[in-house]
Protein backbone atom coordinates (compact mmCIF):
# COMPACT_ATOMS: atom_id res chain seq x y z
CA MET A 1 16.05 -13.51 -5.97
CA GLU A 2 16.61 -14.01 -2.25
CA LYS A 3 14.99 -17.14 -0.87
CA VAL A 4 15.72 -16.51 2.83
CA VAL A 5 14.62 -12.99 3.76
CA ILE A 6 15.10 -13.23 7.54
CA LYS A 7 17.33 -15.48 9.59
CA VAL A 8 17.91 -15.36 13.35
CA GLU A 9 20.61 -17.24 15.22
CA GLY A 10 20.77 -17.53 18.99
CA LEU A 11 18.35 -14.63 19.40
CA THR A 12 18.02 -13.87 23.12
CA LYS A 13 16.28 -11.19 25.18
CA GLN A 14 16.78 -10.93 28.92
CA TYR A 15 15.24 -8.45 31.35
CA GLY A 16 17.19 -8.65 34.58
CA LYS A 17 17.15 -12.33 35.52
CA ASP A 18 14.17 -13.11 33.29
CA VAL A 19 15.02 -14.67 29.92
CA VAL A 20 11.96 -14.06 27.76
CA VAL A 21 13.52 -15.20 24.47
CA ASP A 22 16.11 -17.95 24.84
CA HIS A 23 18.60 -18.60 22.00
CA VAL A 24 16.00 -18.76 19.24
CA ASP A 25 16.91 -19.96 15.72
CA PHE A 26 14.66 -19.83 12.65
CA GLN A 27 14.53 -18.55 9.09
CA ILE A 28 11.83 -16.98 6.95
CA GLU A 29 11.60 -17.77 3.25
CA LYS A 30 10.19 -15.42 0.65
CA GLY A 31 6.54 -15.72 -0.32
CA LYS A 32 5.36 -17.82 2.60
CA ILE A 33 3.02 -17.11 5.54
CA TYR A 34 4.61 -17.95 8.88
CA GLY A 35 2.81 -18.30 12.16
CA LEU A 36 4.58 -17.81 15.47
CA VAL A 37 2.60 -20.14 17.69
CA GLY A 38 2.52 -20.30 21.46
CA PRO A 39 0.58 -19.36 24.58
CA ASN A 40 0.67 -15.89 26.07
CA GLY A 41 4.14 -15.20 27.44
CA ALA A 42 5.90 -17.55 25.02
CA GLY A 43 8.03 -14.71 23.60
CA LYS A 44 6.19 -14.12 20.30
CA SER A 45 5.78 -10.34 20.64
CA THR A 46 9.32 -9.89 21.94
CA VAL A 47 10.72 -11.69 18.89
CA MET A 48 8.72 -9.37 16.64
CA LYS A 49 9.84 -6.29 18.51
CA MET A 50 13.47 -7.32 18.02
CA LEU A 51 12.86 -7.86 14.30
CA GLY A 52 11.32 -4.39 14.11
CA GLY A 53 14.05 -2.67 16.12
CA LEU A 54 11.70 -1.71 18.94
CA THR A 55 13.91 -3.53 21.42
CA PHE A 56 17.44 -4.84 21.10
CA PRO A 57 18.64 -8.42 21.56
CA THR A 58 20.70 -9.32 24.59
CA ASP A 59 22.52 -11.83 22.41
CA GLY A 60 22.32 -13.42 18.98
CA GLU A 61 22.16 -12.19 15.40
CA ILE A 62 19.39 -11.04 13.06
CA TYR A 63 20.08 -11.29 9.31
CA PHE A 64 17.96 -9.43 6.77
CA TYR A 65 18.57 -10.60 3.20
CA GLY A 66 21.77 -12.33 4.30
CA GLU A 67 23.38 -9.40 6.12
CA ALA A 68 23.58 -8.61 9.84
CA SER A 69 25.31 -5.19 9.99
CA GLN A 70 23.37 -2.27 11.45
CA GLN A 71 23.23 -0.70 8.01
CA ALA A 72 21.81 -3.92 6.59
CA LEU A 73 19.21 -4.11 9.37
CA ASN A 74 18.16 -0.52 8.71
CA SER A 75 17.86 -1.05 4.95
CA GLY A 76 16.12 -4.39 5.52
CA ARG A 77 13.52 -2.83 7.81
CA ALA A 78 12.85 -0.22 5.11
CA ARG A 79 11.63 -3.12 2.94
CA MET A 80 9.32 -4.38 5.70
CA SER A 81 6.27 -3.15 7.58
CA PHE A 82 5.37 -3.94 11.16
CA MET A 83 2.08 -3.75 13.06
CA ILE A 84 2.97 -4.78 16.59
CA GLU A 85 0.33 -4.92 19.34
CA GLU A 86 -2.17 -2.55 17.69
CA PRO A 87 -2.27 0.06 14.91
CA LYS A 88 -1.31 3.57 16.03
CA LEU A 89 -4.39 5.58 15.10
CA ASN A 90 -5.71 9.04 15.99
CA LEU A 91 -9.26 8.19 17.06
CA ASP A 92 -10.52 11.75 16.47
CA TRP A 93 -9.49 11.69 12.82
CA ASN A 94 -11.17 9.81 10.02
CA GLY A 95 -9.43 6.92 8.34
CA ARG A 96 -8.26 8.95 5.35
CA ASP A 97 -6.61 11.55 7.59
CA ASN A 98 -4.78 8.83 9.49
CA LEU A 99 -3.53 7.46 6.19
CA LYS A 100 -2.50 10.89 4.95
CA ARG A 101 -0.28 11.36 8.02
CA GLU A 102 1.27 7.95 7.38
CA GLN A 103 1.77 8.80 3.70
CA ILE A 104 3.73 11.91 4.67
CA LEU A 105 5.88 9.96 7.13
CA ARG A 106 6.63 7.26 4.56
CA GLY A 107 6.95 9.55 1.54
CA VAL A 108 4.04 7.90 -0.30
CA THR A 109 2.49 10.19 -2.92
CA ASP A 110 0.40 7.71 -4.90
CA ASP A 111 -3.17 8.49 -3.78
CA ALA A 112 -4.58 6.07 -6.36
CA TYR A 113 -2.73 3.23 -4.64
CA VAL A 114 -4.21 4.29 -1.30
CA ASP A 115 -7.68 4.27 -2.88
CA GLU A 116 -6.98 0.75 -4.16
CA LEU A 117 -5.97 -0.44 -0.70
CA LEU A 118 -9.04 1.08 0.95
CA LYS A 119 -11.26 -0.65 -1.59
CA LEU A 120 -9.40 -3.90 -0.97
CA VAL A 121 -10.24 -3.79 2.76
CA ASP A 122 -13.77 -2.48 2.17
CA LEU A 123 -13.14 0.86 3.87
CA ASP A 124 -13.41 3.07 0.78
CA GLN A 125 -16.97 4.18 1.60
CA VAL A 126 -16.32 5.15 5.22
CA SER A 127 -12.69 6.28 5.35
CA SER A 128 -13.42 9.96 4.72
CA ARG A 129 -16.66 10.41 6.64
CA LYS A 130 -16.37 8.46 9.90
CA LYS A 131 -14.00 9.14 12.76
CA VAL A 132 -11.90 6.17 13.73
CA LYS A 133 -13.41 6.21 17.24
CA SER A 134 -16.62 4.90 15.65
CA TYR A 135 -14.87 2.04 13.83
CA SER A 136 -15.29 -1.54 14.97
CA LEU A 137 -12.17 -3.39 16.13
CA GLY A 138 -12.06 -5.23 12.81
CA MET A 139 -12.22 -1.97 10.86
CA LYS A 140 -9.35 -0.57 12.91
CA GLN A 141 -7.30 -3.68 12.23
CA ARG A 142 -7.99 -3.43 8.49
CA LEU A 143 -7.04 0.25 8.50
CA GLY A 144 -3.82 -0.64 10.33
CA ILE A 145 -3.00 -3.22 7.68
CA VAL A 146 -3.56 -0.59 4.96
CA MET A 147 -1.10 1.67 6.79
CA ALA A 148 1.42 -1.17 6.88
CA LEU A 149 0.97 -1.77 3.13
CA LEU A 150 1.52 1.84 2.06
CA SER A 151 5.22 1.30 1.39
CA LYS A 152 4.55 -1.90 -0.63
CA PRO A 153 6.66 -4.02 1.74
CA ASP A 154 8.38 -7.26 0.84
CA VAL A 155 7.64 -8.56 4.36
CA LEU A 156 4.64 -7.82 6.58
CA VAL A 157 4.96 -8.55 10.31
CA LEU A 158 1.72 -8.61 12.34
CA ASP A 159 1.36 -9.23 16.06
CA GLU A 160 -1.98 -10.87 16.94
CA PRO A 161 -3.90 -9.34 13.98
CA VAL A 162 -7.13 -11.20 14.83
CA ASN A 163 -6.99 -10.82 18.61
CA GLY A 164 -10.37 -9.76 19.99
CA LEU A 165 -12.20 -9.96 16.67
CA ASP A 166 -15.55 -11.65 16.20
CA PRO A 167 -15.75 -14.60 13.76
CA ARG A 168 -16.66 -12.32 10.85
CA GLY A 169 -13.71 -10.04 11.57
CA VAL A 170 -11.34 -13.01 11.85
CA TYR A 171 -12.55 -14.31 8.49
CA GLU A 172 -12.11 -10.90 6.81
CA ILE A 173 -8.53 -10.53 8.05
CA ARG A 174 -7.70 -14.06 6.94
CA MET A 175 -9.04 -13.46 3.43
CA LEU A 176 -7.18 -10.15 3.24
CA LEU A 177 -3.83 -11.63 4.26
CA GLN A 178 -4.18 -14.54 1.85
CA TYR A 179 -4.95 -12.09 -0.96
CA ILE A 180 -1.94 -9.90 -0.10
CA ASN A 181 0.32 -12.94 -0.01
CA LYS A 182 -0.94 -14.32 -3.33
CA GLU A 183 -1.41 -11.16 -5.37
CA PHE A 184 1.46 -9.01 -4.05
CA GLY A 185 3.88 -11.84 -3.24
CA THR A 186 4.27 -10.43 0.26
CA THR A 187 5.93 -12.63 2.86
CA ILE A 188 3.87 -12.54 6.07
CA ILE A 189 4.84 -13.29 9.65
CA LEU A 190 2.08 -13.24 12.24
CA SER A 191 1.72 -14.30 15.82
CA SER A 192 -1.34 -15.85 17.34
CA HIS A 193 -2.50 -18.33 19.94
CA ILE A 194 -5.68 -19.11 17.95
CA LEU A 195 -4.68 -22.46 16.50
CA SER A 196 -7.72 -22.94 14.29
CA GLU A 197 -7.05 -19.69 12.42
CA LEU A 198 -3.36 -20.44 11.88
CA GLU A 199 -4.33 -23.82 10.47
CA TYR A 200 -6.33 -22.10 7.73
CA LEU A 201 -3.85 -19.32 7.00
CA CYS A 202 -0.21 -20.34 7.40
CA THR A 203 2.17 -22.25 5.17
CA ASP A 204 4.70 -22.76 7.98
CA LEU A 205 4.63 -22.70 11.78
CA ILE A 206 7.26 -21.84 14.38
CA PHE A 207 6.28 -23.10 17.85
CA LEU A 208 7.51 -21.18 20.89
CA LEU A 209 7.21 -22.22 24.50
CA GLN A 210 8.78 -20.40 27.46
CA GLY A 211 10.96 -18.32 25.14
CA LYS A 212 12.35 -21.23 23.12
CA VAL A 213 11.62 -22.54 19.65
CA ILE A 214 10.33 -26.04 20.33
CA LYS A 215 9.58 -27.08 16.77
CA THR A 216 9.17 -25.74 13.23
CA VAL A 217 6.96 -27.46 10.68
CA ALA A 218 5.39 -26.87 7.26
CA MET A 219 1.62 -27.21 7.15
CA THR A 220 2.01 -29.67 4.27
CA ASP A 221 3.82 -32.02 6.65
CA MET A 222 1.02 -32.02 9.20
CA GLU A 223 -0.90 -35.29 9.37
CA GLU A 224 -3.24 -34.27 12.19
CA SER A 225 -5.05 -31.18 13.39
CA LEU A 226 -2.91 -28.31 14.65
CA GLU A 227 -4.46 -28.62 18.11
CA ASN A 228 -3.52 -32.29 18.35
CA PHE A 229 -0.08 -31.65 16.88
CA TYR A 230 0.62 -29.01 19.52
CA LEU A 231 -0.46 -31.23 22.37
CA ASN A 232 1.22 -34.36 21.06
CA HIS A 233 4.50 -33.01 19.71
CA VAL A 234 5.22 -29.57 21.14
CA ASP A 235 4.15 -29.68 24.78
CA CYS A 236 3.13 -33.28 25.32
CA ARG A 237 3.35 -33.50 29.11
CA GLU A 238 -0.01 -34.69 30.44
CA GLU A 239 -0.10 -32.13 33.23
CA LYS A 240 0.26 -29.37 30.65
CA LYS A 241 -2.63 -30.36 28.42
CA MET A 242 -5.39 -28.69 30.39
CA GLU A 243 -3.29 -25.55 30.76
CA VAL A 244 -2.70 -25.41 27.01
CA LEU A 245 -6.35 -26.03 26.19
CA SER A 246 -7.33 -23.26 28.59
CA THR A 247 -4.85 -20.87 26.98
CA PHE A 248 -6.22 -21.68 23.54
CA ALA A 249 -9.83 -21.22 24.63
CA GLU A 250 -10.61 -19.23 21.49
CA ILE A 251 -10.52 -22.39 19.38
C-alpha cells in the first residue's frame, strides 16, 4: 500500500513577473487530512489547481503514487476528486439531476450508492424536489462534495469548503469530512484561512506565505493554539501580526 500519495518538488507558478507559487515542496500521506494554511493570496488555490491539472507548473515536479510522467498524472487524477473554488451546479435543476449529469460524465451507474451519499449529507429528502437555486450555501457545498465522492476517490481535494458558511454549516462540513476520512479511508487536502476550523479537522498542516511553504507540522506536535503557532512560528514579525489577525477575522 502506498504511503505517500502526492509529492511535489520545487513546484512553481509564475504569471509574467509575478511568482505566485515559489519552489514549493511537500508530500501527502495516505489516510490523513491536510490543511493548506495561509492568508488570501498565499498560493493555496494555485497549488490545488496545479494538482488538478487546471493550470500547469512553470517549474517543478508533481508525483502521484511515486510517478511523475504525464500518463501517471492522468491516471493519478482519475483516483482523485477535486472541488476547487465552488461546485459547478446548474441552479435551475434539482440536486438529483445535477448528480445524474455527473454520474454520466464519470460513468457511475450505482444509484444506490448515490442514495447513500445523499442520506449521508442530509439531502435525501430535498434532492429531487427543490431546485438548487433555492439551496443554502451549505447545501450547495454538501451537494458538491457528493459530486466529488461519486467516483469513490482515494484523495479528495477541496478549496475553501467552509468559506462563507454560517457556524452550523461549518460544523456540518467538518463532521462530514471527518466521517469520509474515517469510514472511507479517504485522504483529504483542503485549503482555508479559518484557523479555528483547521485546528479541529486536520491531522497535518502546510503553511504557505507569499507563495512559499514556510513550515509543515503535525497537529500532534502542536503545543499551543493554531493561532498562536501561526503568529509565533510562521510569520512572527511584529508588524505583521495585526495584518494576519485581520486576515483571519473569521476566527
